[in-house]
Amino acid sequence: RCARREADHLAVPSRPRDVPRSLEAGIEFDDVTFTYPGGTEPAVTNLSLHIRGGELIALVGENGAGKSTLVKLLLRF
């Protein structure tokens, strides 16, 4: 179990929206760079990706390539 400080949590939007039943427009990342708190190197650098609604994808790559980080970003972890 990981202990987290309150500042590490995502802010709750003042007007949250429900998750849509289907993602007709898909999901898009546009030039995303992400470094974990306390990290010195980005886990993901300049990622641009568009996943169309209904599309199935596979994430394949070497260890440390950012696959798990991408999934965590998608899920807002």
Protein backbone atom coordinates (compact mmCIF):
# COMPACT_ATOMS: atom_id res chain seq x y z
CA ARG A 1 0.00 0.00 0.00
CA CYS A 2 1.36 3.38 -0.97
CA ALA A 3 1.00 6.31 1.42
CA ARG A 4 0.09 9.50 -0.44
CA ARG A 5 0.03 13.10 0.62
CA GLU A 6 -3.16 15.06 0.03
CA ALA A 7 -1.33 17.30 -2.47
CA ASP A 8 -0.56 14.23 -4.62
CA HIS A 9 -4.25 13.60 -5.35
CA LEU A 10 -5.99 15.00 -8.40
CA ALA A 11 -8.31 17.89 -7.76
CA VAL A 12 -11.99 17.04 -8.07
CA PRO A 13 -13.59 19.21 -10.77
CA SER A 14 -16.26 21.60 -9.52
CA ARG A 15 -18.62 20.29 -12.22
CA PRO A 16 -17.57 16.70 -13.00
CA ARG A 17 -19.00 15.05 -16.09
CA ASP A 18 -20.22 11.47 -16.35
CA VAL A 19 -18.13 9.04 -18.34
CA PRO A 20 -19.77 8.65 -21.75
CA ARG A 21 -21.23 5.24 -22.61
CA SER A 22 -19.23 5.26 -25.83
CA LEU A 23 -16.24 7.26 -26.97
CA GLU A 24 -17.42 8.21 -30.45
CA ALA A 25 -14.69 10.80 -30.97
CA GLY A 26 -12.09 8.61 -29.27
CA ILE A 27 -9.22 9.63 -27.03
CA GLU A 28 -6.41 11.96 -28.03
CA PHE A 29 -3.04 12.78 -26.50
CA ASP A 30 -1.37 15.78 -28.10
CA ASP A 31 2.35 16.29 -27.37
CA VAL A 32 2.14 14.88 -23.82
CA THR A 33 5.23 14.76 -21.62
CA PHE A 34 4.94 13.30 -18.12
CA THR A 35 7.45 12.98 -15.27
CA TYR A 36 6.52 11.19 -12.07
CA PRO A 37 6.66 13.33 -8.89
CA GLY A 38 10.21 13.19 -7.59
CA GLY A 39 11.47 11.81 -10.90
CA THR A 40 14.32 13.33 -12.85
CA GLU A 41 13.55 11.96 -16.33
CA PRO A 42 10.21 11.95 -18.16
CA ALA A 43 8.47 8.57 -18.33
CA VAL A 44 6.71 9.74 -21.50
CA THR A 45 8.03 12.43 -23.86
CA ASN A 46 6.16 14.23 -26.64
CA LEU A 47 3.51 11.53 -27.01
CA SER A 48 0.83 12.17 -29.62
CA LEU A 49 -1.79 9.49 -30.05
CA HIS A 50 -5.37 9.26 -31.31
CA ILE A 51 -7.44 6.18 -30.48
CA ARG A 52 -10.69 6.16 -32.46
CA GLY A 53 -13.95 5.15 -30.80
CA GLY A 54 -14.37 1.36 -30.96
CA GLU A 55 -10.76 0.81 -31.98
CA LEU A 56 -8.75 -1.92 -30.27
CA ILE A 57 -5.05 -1.28 -29.72
CA ALA A 58 -2.09 -3.11 -28.22
CA LEU A 59 0.73 -1.45 -26.33
CA VAL A 60 4.02 -3.14 -27.16
CA GLY A 61 7.52 -2.02 -26.27
CA GLU A 62 10.61 -2.54 -24.19
CA ASN A 63 10.66 -2.27 -20.40
CA GLY A 64 10.62 1.38 -19.41
CA ALA A 65 9.12 2.55 -22.70
CA GLY A 66 6.10 4.13 -20.95
CA LYS A 67 3.34 1.57 -21.60
CA SER A 68 2.13 1.43 -17.99
CA THR A 69 2.48 5.20 -17.65
CA LEU A 70 0.25 5.70 -20.69
CA VAL A 71 -2.44 3.47 -19.17
CA LYS A 72 -2.17 5.33 -15.85
CA LEU A 73 -2.57 8.67 -17.65
CA LEU A 74 -5.63 7.35 -19.48
CA LEU A 75 -7.16 6.32 -16.14
CA ARG A 76 -6.07 9.53 -14.34
CA PHE A 77 -3.97 7.63 -11.77
